[in-house]
């Protein structure tokens, strides 16, 4: 499995995932920049994602939904802050209602993705920053750690294929 660590830091309100891949940075970047590839790994295996809008530019939006085993749909959105292709991306990630409107009652995270060359392959660091301890606790109870590990764990197969 590509995920080498997943560290929850309650003091700094962060969750950091580190994954190592035997593919070049440019190839790993495609898993973020191509909506058809993104949707093949963004959701955990039992909740696959469908990307509806994919504007990976500063100020752009990415909208998606995940479909559960019973056909239930969970919508989400990103608001892209910065992009430095093919090495970094920062976005706010949140939940949306069934019409795709951001749900202000649910927590958001700021996610920073950094891709660096390492030993002929790529190290990916995903740093999720939470606004408050309460928001972090809420997302952890919803399974964010396990879901992130499972989602990122699907990237190896895509890079090999």
N, C-alpha and C. Protein backbone atom coordinates (compact mmCIF):
# COMPACT_ATOMS: atom_id res chain seq x y z
N UNK A 1 0.84 -1.19 0.00
CA UNK A 1 0.00 0.00 0.00
C UNK A 1 0.88 1.24 0.00
N UNK A 2 0.49 2.24 -0.69
CA UNK A 2 1.27 3.45 -0.86
C UNK A 2 1.26 4.36 0.37
N UNK A 3 0.24 4.28 1.20
CA UNK A 3 0.16 5.16 2.36
C UNK A 3 1.18 4.70 3.39
N UNK A 4 2.14 5.57 3.70
CA UNK A 4 3.19 5.21 4.65
C UNK A 4 2.91 5.74 6.05
N UNK A 5 2.12 6.82 6.17
CA UNK A 5 1.75 7.29 7.51
C UNK A 5 0.50 8.16 7.43
N UNK A 6 -0.20 8.17 8.55
CA UNK A 6 -1.38 9.02 8.72
C UNK A 6 -1.31 9.52 10.16
N UNK A 7 -1.04 10.80 10.33
CA UNK A 7 -0.79 11.36 11.65
C UNK A 7 -1.82 12.41 12.01
N UNK A 8 -2.48 12.19 13.14
CA UNK A 8 -3.46 13.14 13.66
C UNK A 8 -2.78 13.96 14.75
N UNK A 9 -2.77 15.28 14.60
CA UNK A 9 -2.14 16.18 15.57
C UNK A 9 -3.23 17.05 16.18
N UNK A 10 -3.68 16.67 17.38
CA UNK A 10 -4.78 17.37 18.04
C UNK A 10 -4.39 18.78 18.47
N UNK A 11 -3.12 18.98 18.81
CA UNK A 11 -2.67 20.30 19.25
C UNK A 11 -2.70 21.32 18.11
N UNK A 12 -2.24 20.89 16.92
CA UNK A 12 -2.20 21.79 15.77
C UNK A 12 -3.40 21.67 14.85
N UNK A 13 -4.35 20.80 15.22
CA UNK A 13 -5.59 20.61 14.45
C UNK A 13 -5.30 20.20 13.01
N UNK A 14 -4.44 19.20 12.84
CA UNK A 14 -4.09 18.73 11.50
C UNK A 14 -4.18 17.21 11.40
N UNK A 15 -4.39 16.76 10.19
CA UNK A 15 -4.31 15.35 9.83
C UNK A 15 -3.41 15.29 8.60
N UNK A 16 -2.30 14.55 8.71
CA UNK A 16 -1.32 14.50 7.63
C UNK A 16 -1.20 13.08 7.10
N UNK A 17 -1.41 12.92 5.81
CA UNK A 17 -1.22 11.64 5.14
C UNK A 17 0.03 11.74 4.28
N UNK A 18 0.90 10.74 4.40
CA UNK A 18 2.09 10.63 3.55
C UNK A 18 1.95 9.35 2.74
N UNK A 19 2.15 9.44 1.44
CA UNK A 19 2.10 8.27 0.56
C UNK A 19 3.27 8.34 -0.40
N UNK A 20 3.87 7.20 -0.67
CA UNK A 20 4.98 7.11 -1.61
C UNK A 20 4.58 6.25 -2.80
N UNK A 21 4.91 6.73 -3.99
CA UNK A 21 4.54 6.05 -5.23
C UNK A 21 5.78 5.85 -6.09
N UNK A 22 5.78 4.79 -6.87
CA UNK A 22 6.89 4.53 -7.80
C UNK A 22 6.55 5.08 -9.18
N UNK A 23 6.00 6.28 -9.20
CA UNK A 23 5.64 6.96 -10.45
C UNK A 23 6.17 8.39 -10.36
N UNK A 24 6.46 9.01 -11.51
CA UNK A 24 6.96 10.39 -11.47
C UNK A 24 5.90 11.38 -10.99
N UNK A 25 6.37 12.52 -10.50
CA UNK A 25 5.49 13.57 -9.99
C UNK A 25 4.41 13.92 -11.00
N UNK A 26 4.78 14.07 -12.27
CA UNK A 26 3.81 14.48 -13.30
C UNK A 26 2.68 13.47 -13.42
N UNK A 27 2.98 12.18 -13.27
CA UNK A 27 1.94 11.15 -13.38
C UNK A 27 1.02 11.18 -12.16
N UNK A 28 1.58 11.35 -10.98
CA UNK A 28 0.75 11.44 -9.77
C UNK A 28 -0.15 12.68 -9.84
N UNK A 29 0.39 13.77 -10.37
CA UNK A 29 -0.39 15.00 -10.52
C UNK A 29 -1.65 14.76 -11.36
N UNK A 30 -1.55 13.91 -12.37
CA UNK A 30 -2.70 13.62 -13.24
C UNK A 30 -3.87 13.04 -12.45
N UNK A 31 -3.59 12.35 -11.35
CA UNK A 31 -4.67 11.79 -10.53
C UNK A 31 -5.49 12.89 -9.86
N UNK A 32 -4.91 14.08 -9.75
CA UNK A 32 -5.62 15.25 -9.23
C UNK A 32 -6.19 16.11 -10.36
N UNK A 33 -5.44 16.27 -11.43
CA UNK A 33 -5.81 17.24 -12.46
C UNK A 33 -6.81 16.71 -13.48
N UNK A 34 -6.94 15.41 -13.60
CA UNK A 34 -7.87 14.80 -14.55
C UNK A 34 -9.11 14.32 -13.77
N UNK A 35 -10.28 14.92 -14.00
CA UNK A 35 -11.45 14.56 -13.20
C UNK A 35 -11.83 13.09 -13.30
N UNK A 36 -11.61 12.46 -14.45
CA UNK A 36 -11.96 11.04 -14.58
C UNK A 36 -11.03 10.17 -13.73
N UNK A 37 -9.78 10.58 -13.59
CA UNK A 37 -8.86 9.84 -12.72
C UNK A 37 -9.12 10.16 -11.25
N UNK A 38 -9.42 11.41 -10.95
CA UNK A 38 -9.72 11.81 -9.57
C UNK A 38 -10.89 11.01 -9.01
N UNK A 39 -11.92 10.85 -9.80
CA UNK A 39 -13.10 10.15 -9.28
C UNK A 39 -12.86 8.66 -9.09
N UNK A 40 -11.79 8.13 -9.64
CA UNK A 40 -11.49 6.70 -9.45
C UNK A 40 -10.82 6.42 -8.12
N UNK A 41 -10.41 7.48 -7.39
CA UNK A 41 -9.80 7.23 -6.09
C UNK A 41 -10.30 8.15 -4.98
N UNK A 42 -10.91 9.28 -5.26
CA UNK A 42 -11.23 10.27 -4.23
C UNK A 42 -12.14 9.71 -3.14
N UNK A 43 -13.11 8.92 -3.46
CA UNK A 43 -13.96 8.32 -2.43
C UNK A 43 -13.41 6.98 -2.00
N UNK A 44 -13.74 6.54 -0.77
CA UNK A 44 -13.35 5.19 -0.37
C UNK A 44 -14.00 4.17 -1.31
N UNK A 45 -13.48 2.94 -1.37
CA UNK A 45 -13.99 1.95 -2.32
C UNK A 45 -15.51 1.73 -2.26
N UNK A 46 -16.09 1.81 -1.07
CA UNK A 46 -17.54 1.59 -0.95
C UNK A 46 -18.36 2.85 -1.21
N UNK A 47 -17.69 3.99 -1.41
CA UNK A 47 -18.36 5.26 -1.71
C UNK A 47 -17.66 5.95 -2.87
N UNK A 48 -17.73 5.38 -4.06
CA UNK A 48 -17.01 5.98 -5.20
C UNK A 48 -17.53 7.38 -5.53
N UNK A 49 -16.61 8.20 -6.01
CA UNK A 49 -16.93 9.60 -6.32
C UNK A 49 -17.29 9.76 -7.80
N UNK A 50 -18.14 10.72 -8.06
CA UNK A 50 -18.44 11.18 -9.41
C UNK A 50 -18.18 12.68 -9.42
N UNK A 51 -17.24 13.13 -10.24
CA UNK A 51 -16.89 14.54 -10.31
C UNK A 51 -17.80 15.21 -11.33
N UNK A 52 -18.47 16.28 -10.89
CA UNK A 52 -19.40 17.00 -11.77
C UNK A 52 -18.74 18.22 -12.40
N UNK A 53 -18.03 18.98 -11.60
CA UNK A 53 -17.34 20.18 -12.07
C UNK A 53 -15.90 20.08 -11.60
N UNK A 54 -14.95 20.49 -12.46
CA UNK A 54 -13.53 20.34 -12.12
C UNK A 54 -12.75 21.51 -12.70
N UNK A 55 -12.69 22.60 -11.95
CA UNK A 55 -11.95 23.79 -12.36
C UNK A 55 -10.78 23.94 -11.39
N UNK A 56 -9.67 23.31 -11.74
CA UNK A 56 -8.50 23.28 -10.87
C UNK A 56 -7.61 24.49 -11.13
N UNK A 57 -8.19 25.67 -10.92
CA UNK A 57 -7.47 26.93 -11.03
C UNK A 57 -7.80 27.75 -9.78
N UNK A 58 -6.93 28.69 -9.38
CA UNK A 58 -7.23 29.50 -8.20
C UNK A 58 -8.60 30.17 -8.32
N UNK A 59 -9.43 29.98 -7.29
CA UNK A 59 -10.80 30.49 -7.30
C UNK A 59 -11.79 29.54 -7.93
N UNK A 60 -11.31 28.47 -8.55
CA UNK A 60 -12.18 27.51 -9.21
C UNK A 60 -12.84 26.56 -8.23
N UNK A 61 -13.86 25.87 -8.72
CA UNK A 61 -14.60 24.91 -7.90
C UNK A 61 -14.49 23.51 -8.47
N UNK A 62 -14.44 22.56 -7.56
CA UNK A 62 -14.57 21.15 -7.90
C UNK A 62 -15.79 20.67 -7.12
N UNK A 63 -16.76 20.09 -7.81
CA UNK A 63 -17.94 19.55 -7.14
C UNK A 63 -18.05 18.07 -7.48
N UNK A 64 -18.54 17.32 -6.50
CA UNK A 64 -18.60 15.87 -6.67
C UNK A 64 -19.67 15.30 -5.74
N UNK A 65 -19.99 14.04 -5.97
CA UNK A 65 -20.80 13.31 -5.00
C UNK A 65 -20.26 11.90 -4.89
N UNK A 66 -20.45 11.32 -3.72
CA UNK A 66 -20.08 9.94 -3.47
C UNK A 66 -21.36 9.14 -3.32
N UNK A 67 -21.37 7.96 -3.91
CA UNK A 67 -22.55 7.11 -3.87
C UNK A 67 -22.26 5.90 -2.99
N UNK A 68 -23.07 5.73 -1.96
CA UNK A 68 -22.89 4.63 -1.02
C UNK A 68 -23.45 3.32 -1.54
N UNK A 69 -23.22 2.24 -0.80
CA UNK A 69 -23.66 0.91 -1.23
C UNK A 69 -25.17 0.79 -1.41
N UNK A 70 -25.94 1.61 -0.71
CA UNK A 70 -27.40 1.57 -0.80
C UNK A 70 -27.93 2.60 -1.79
N UNK A 71 -27.02 3.25 -2.54
CA UNK A 71 -27.44 4.26 -3.50
C UNK A 71 -27.56 5.66 -2.92
N UNK A 72 -27.25 5.80 -1.64
CA UNK A 72 -27.30 7.12 -1.00
C UNK A 72 -26.17 7.99 -1.53
N UNK A 73 -26.46 9.28 -1.72
CA UNK A 73 -25.48 10.20 -2.29
C UNK A 73 -25.08 11.25 -1.25
N UNK A 74 -23.78 11.52 -1.21
CA UNK A 74 -23.21 12.55 -0.33
C UNK A 74 -22.42 13.51 -1.20
N UNK A 75 -22.82 14.77 -1.18
CA UNK A 75 -22.19 15.76 -2.05
C UNK A 75 -21.10 16.53 -1.31
N UNK A 76 -20.09 16.93 -2.10
CA UNK A 76 -19.00 17.71 -1.55
C UNK A 76 -18.50 18.72 -2.56
N UNK A 77 -17.64 19.61 -2.09
CA UNK A 77 -17.09 20.66 -2.95
C UNK A 77 -15.70 21.03 -2.48
N UNK A 78 -14.92 21.55 -3.42
CA UNK A 78 -13.63 22.19 -3.13
C UNK A 78 -13.70 23.60 -3.68
N UNK A 79 -13.07 24.53 -2.99
CA UNK A 79 -12.81 25.86 -3.52
C UNK A 79 -11.29 25.95 -3.60
N UNK A 80 -10.78 26.01 -4.81
CA UNK A 80 -9.34 25.97 -5.04
C UNK A 80 -8.72 27.32 -4.66
N UNK A 81 -7.67 27.27 -3.83
CA UNK A 81 -6.97 28.49 -3.41
C UNK A 81 -5.73 28.71 -4.26
N UNK A 82 -4.88 27.69 -4.34
CA UNK A 82 -3.63 27.82 -5.11
C UNK A 82 -3.35 26.54 -5.87
N UNK A 83 -2.68 26.69 -7.00
CA UNK A 83 -2.25 25.55 -7.81
C UNK A 83 -0.87 25.89 -8.35
N UNK A 84 0.07 24.97 -8.17
CA UNK A 84 1.39 25.08 -8.76
C UNK A 84 1.69 23.73 -9.41
N UNK A 85 1.09 23.52 -10.58
CA UNK A 85 1.22 22.24 -11.27
C UNK A 85 2.67 22.00 -11.67
N UNK A 86 3.17 20.81 -11.53
CA UNK A 86 2.54 19.59 -11.02
C UNK A 86 2.93 19.26 -9.59
N UNK A 87 3.20 20.26 -8.75
CA UNK A 87 3.74 19.93 -7.43
C UNK A 87 2.88 20.30 -6.23
N UNK A 88 1.91 21.20 -6.38
CA UNK A 88 1.13 21.54 -5.18
C UNK A 88 -0.25 22.09 -5.53
N UNK A 89 -1.11 21.96 -4.53
CA UNK A 89 -2.51 22.34 -4.67
C UNK A 89 -3.03 22.63 -3.27
N UNK A 90 -3.83 23.66 -3.12
CA UNK A 90 -4.48 23.93 -1.84
C UNK A 90 -5.94 24.26 -2.11
N UNK A 91 -6.81 23.69 -1.28
CA UNK A 91 -8.24 23.92 -1.46
C UNK A 91 -8.97 23.79 -0.14
N UNK A 92 -10.13 24.42 -0.07
CA UNK A 92 -11.06 24.21 1.04
C UNK A 92 -12.00 23.11 0.60
N UNK A 93 -12.23 22.15 1.49
CA UNK A 93 -13.05 20.98 1.20
C UNK A 93 -14.24 21.00 2.15
N UNK A 94 -15.45 20.87 1.59
CA UNK A 94 -16.63 20.90 2.44
C UNK A 94 -17.75 20.01 1.93
N UNK A 95 -18.80 19.97 2.70
CA UNK A 95 -19.99 19.19 2.37
C UNK A 95 -21.01 20.09 1.67
N UNK A 96 -21.89 19.47 0.90
CA UNK A 96 -22.95 20.21 0.21
C UNK A 96 -24.28 19.50 0.43
N UNK A 97 -25.37 20.25 0.21
CA UNK A 97 -26.68 19.62 0.30
C UNK A 97 -26.96 18.86 -1.00
N UNK A 98 -28.13 18.27 -1.10
CA UNK A 98 -28.45 17.43 -2.26
C UNK A 98 -28.52 18.21 -3.57
N UNK A 99 -28.62 19.54 -3.47
CA UNK A 99 -28.62 20.38 -4.68
C UNK A 99 -27.22 20.88 -5.02
N UNK A 100 -26.22 20.47 -4.21
CA UNK A 100 -24.85 20.89 -4.46
C UNK A 100 -24.46 22.20 -3.82
N UNK A 101 -25.35 22.78 -3.02
CA UNK A 101 -25.06 24.05 -2.34
C UNK A 101 -24.23 23.76 -1.09
N UNK A 102 -23.10 24.46 -0.90
CA UNK A 102 -22.29 24.22 0.30
C UNK A 102 -23.12 24.30 1.58
N UNK A 103 -22.91 23.34 2.47
CA UNK A 103 -23.64 23.24 3.72
C UNK A 103 -22.85 23.94 4.82
N UNK A 104 -23.28 25.14 5.20
CA UNK A 104 -22.57 25.95 6.19
C UNK A 104 -22.64 25.35 7.60
N UNK A 105 -23.53 24.38 7.82
CA UNK A 105 -23.64 23.76 9.13
C UNK A 105 -22.62 22.63 9.33
N UNK A 106 -21.92 22.27 8.28
CA UNK A 106 -20.93 21.20 8.36
C UNK A 106 -19.53 21.79 8.32
N UNK A 107 -18.56 21.11 8.95
CA UNK A 107 -17.19 21.64 8.97
C UNK A 107 -16.52 21.58 7.60
N UNK A 108 -15.53 22.45 7.45
CA UNK A 108 -14.67 22.42 6.26
C UNK A 108 -13.24 22.20 6.72
N UNK A 109 -12.40 21.79 5.78
CA UNK A 109 -10.96 21.69 6.05
C UNK A 109 -10.23 22.43 4.94
N UNK A 110 -9.05 22.91 5.27
CA UNK A 110 -8.14 23.43 4.26
C UNK A 110 -7.15 22.31 4.00
N UNK A 111 -7.05 21.88 2.76
CA UNK A 111 -6.18 20.76 2.40
C UNK A 111 -5.06 21.26 1.51
N UNK A 112 -3.83 20.91 1.89
CA UNK A 112 -2.65 21.25 1.10
C UNK A 112 -2.03 19.95 0.61
N UNK A 113 -1.87 19.84 -0.69
CA UNK A 113 -1.26 18.66 -1.31
C UNK A 113 0.09 19.08 -1.87
N UNK A 114 1.12 18.32 -1.52
CA UNK A 114 2.46 18.59 -2.03
C UNK A 114 3.03 17.31 -2.61
N UNK A 115 3.52 17.39 -3.84
CA UNK A 115 4.15 16.25 -4.51
C UNK A 115 5.63 16.58 -4.70
N UNK A 116 6.50 15.68 -4.22
CA UNK A 116 7.94 15.89 -4.37
C UNK A 116 8.58 14.62 -4.90
N UNK A 117 9.63 14.80 -5.70
CA UNK A 117 10.39 13.66 -6.23
C UNK A 117 11.14 13.03 -5.07
N UNK A 118 11.10 11.69 -4.99
CA UNK A 118 11.80 10.98 -3.93
C UNK A 118 12.20 9.60 -4.42
N UNK A 119 13.51 9.37 -4.47
CA UNK A 119 14.05 8.07 -4.87
C UNK A 119 13.50 7.59 -6.21
N UNK A 120 13.39 8.49 -7.16
CA UNK A 120 12.89 8.14 -8.48
C UNK A 120 11.39 8.03 -8.58
N UNK A 121 10.70 8.22 -7.48
CA UNK A 121 9.25 8.18 -7.46
C UNK A 121 8.70 9.49 -6.91
N UNK A 122 7.56 9.41 -6.25
CA UNK A 122 6.90 10.61 -5.74
C UNK A 122 6.43 10.40 -4.32
N UNK A 123 6.69 11.40 -3.49
CA UNK A 123 6.09 11.44 -2.15
C UNK A 123 4.96 12.46 -2.20
N UNK A 124 3.78 12.03 -1.75
CA UNK A 124 2.63 12.91 -1.67
C UNK A 124 2.33 13.17 -0.20
N UNK A 125 2.22 14.44 0.14
CA UNK A 125 1.79 14.82 1.48
C UNK A 125 0.47 15.57 1.36
N UNK A 126 -0.52 15.08 2.08
CA UNK A 126 -1.82 15.76 2.17
C UNK A 126 -1.98 16.23 3.60
N UNK A 127 -2.04 17.53 3.79
CA UNK A 127 -2.19 18.12 5.11
C UNK A 127 -3.57 18.75 5.20
N UNK A 128 -4.42 18.20 6.06
CA UNK A 128 -5.76 18.75 6.29
C UNK A 128 -5.71 19.57 7.57
N UNK A 129 -6.12 20.83 7.49
CA UNK A 129 -6.11 21.73 8.63
C UNK A 129 -7.56 22.04 9.01
N UNK A 130 -7.87 21.87 10.28
CA UNK A 130 -9.22 22.09 10.79
C UNK A 130 -9.30 23.44 11.49
N UNK A 131 -10.48 24.06 11.47
CA UNK A 131 -10.67 25.36 12.10
C UNK A 131 -10.72 25.26 13.63
N UNK A 132 -11.37 24.21 14.13
CA UNK A 132 -11.52 24.05 15.58
C UNK A 132 -11.37 22.58 15.96
N UNK A 133 -11.12 22.35 17.23
CA UNK A 133 -11.04 20.97 17.74
C UNK A 133 -12.39 20.27 17.58
N UNK A 134 -13.47 21.01 17.77
CA UNK A 134 -14.81 20.42 17.63
C UNK A 134 -15.05 19.93 16.21
N UNK A 135 -14.64 20.75 15.22
CA UNK A 135 -14.80 20.33 13.83
C UNK A 135 -13.93 19.11 13.53
N UNK A 136 -12.71 19.11 14.05
CA UNK A 136 -11.83 17.97 13.84
C UNK A 136 -12.45 16.70 14.44
N UNK A 137 -12.93 16.81 15.69
CA UNK A 137 -13.56 15.66 16.34
C UNK A 137 -14.77 15.16 15.55
N UNK A 138 -15.57 16.09 15.04
CA UNK A 138 -16.76 15.70 14.27
C UNK A 138 -16.37 14.92 13.02
N UNK A 139 -15.37 15.39 12.29
CA UNK A 139 -14.95 14.70 11.07
C UNK A 139 -14.27 13.37 11.37
N UNK A 140 -13.54 13.28 12.47
CA UNK A 140 -12.93 12.01 12.85
C UNK A 140 -14.03 10.99 13.17
N UNK A 141 -15.07 11.41 13.87
CA UNK A 141 -16.19 10.51 14.20
C UNK A 141 -16.92 10.06 12.95
N UNK A 142 -16.88 10.87 11.90
CA UNK A 142 -17.53 10.52 10.64
C UNK A 142 -16.66 9.58 9.79
N UNK A 143 -15.45 9.25 10.27
CA UNK A 143 -14.60 8.29 9.56
C UNK A 143 -13.59 8.90 8.61
N UNK A 144 -13.23 10.16 8.82
CA UNK A 144 -12.31 10.82 7.89
C UNK A 144 -10.96 10.11 7.78
N UNK A 145 -10.40 9.67 8.92
CA UNK A 145 -9.09 9.00 8.87
C UNK A 145 -9.13 7.75 8.00
N UNK A 146 -10.05 6.88 8.31
CA UNK A 146 -10.17 5.63 7.56
C UNK A 146 -10.52 5.89 6.09
N UNK A 147 -11.42 6.82 5.85
CA UNK A 147 -11.82 7.13 4.47
C UNK A 147 -10.67 7.68 3.65
N UNK A 148 -9.87 8.56 4.26
CA UNK A 148 -8.72 9.12 3.55
C UNK A 148 -7.69 8.05 3.24
N UNK A 149 -7.42 7.19 4.22
CA UNK A 149 -6.46 6.10 4.01
C UNK A 149 -6.94 5.17 2.89
N UNK A 150 -8.21 4.81 2.92
CA UNK A 150 -8.76 3.91 1.89
C UNK A 150 -8.75 4.57 0.52
N UNK A 151 -9.11 5.84 0.46
CA UNK A 151 -9.14 6.54 -0.83
C UNK A 151 -7.74 6.62 -1.43
N UNK A 152 -6.78 7.11 -0.65
CA UNK A 152 -5.40 7.24 -1.15
C UNK A 152 -4.80 5.88 -1.46
N UNK A 153 -5.24 4.85 -0.76
CA UNK A 153 -4.75 3.50 -1.01
C UNK A 153 -5.12 2.97 -2.39
N UNK A 154 -6.07 3.61 -3.06
CA UNK A 154 -6.48 3.18 -4.40
C UNK A 154 -5.59 3.76 -5.50
N UNK A 155 -4.73 4.70 -5.14
CA UNK A 155 -3.94 5.41 -6.15
C UNK A 155 -2.90 4.51 -6.82
N UNK A 156 -2.30 3.60 -6.07
CA UNK A 156 -1.28 2.71 -6.64
C UNK A 156 -1.78 1.96 -7.86
N UNK A 157 -2.97 1.39 -7.75
CA UNK A 157 -3.52 0.61 -8.86
C UNK A 157 -3.72 1.48 -10.10
N UNK A 158 -4.13 2.72 -9.90
CA UNK A 158 -4.31 3.63 -11.04
C UNK A 158 -2.98 3.99 -11.68
N UNK A 159 -1.97 4.18 -10.86
CA UNK A 159 -0.65 4.52 -11.38
C UNK A 159 -0.01 3.35 -12.11
N UNK A 160 -0.36 2.14 -11.71
CA UNK A 160 0.21 0.94 -12.35
C UNK A 160 -0.48 0.61 -13.66
N UNK A 161 -1.74 1.09 -13.82
CA UNK A 161 -2.54 0.71 -14.97
C UNK A 161 -2.39 1.51 -16.19
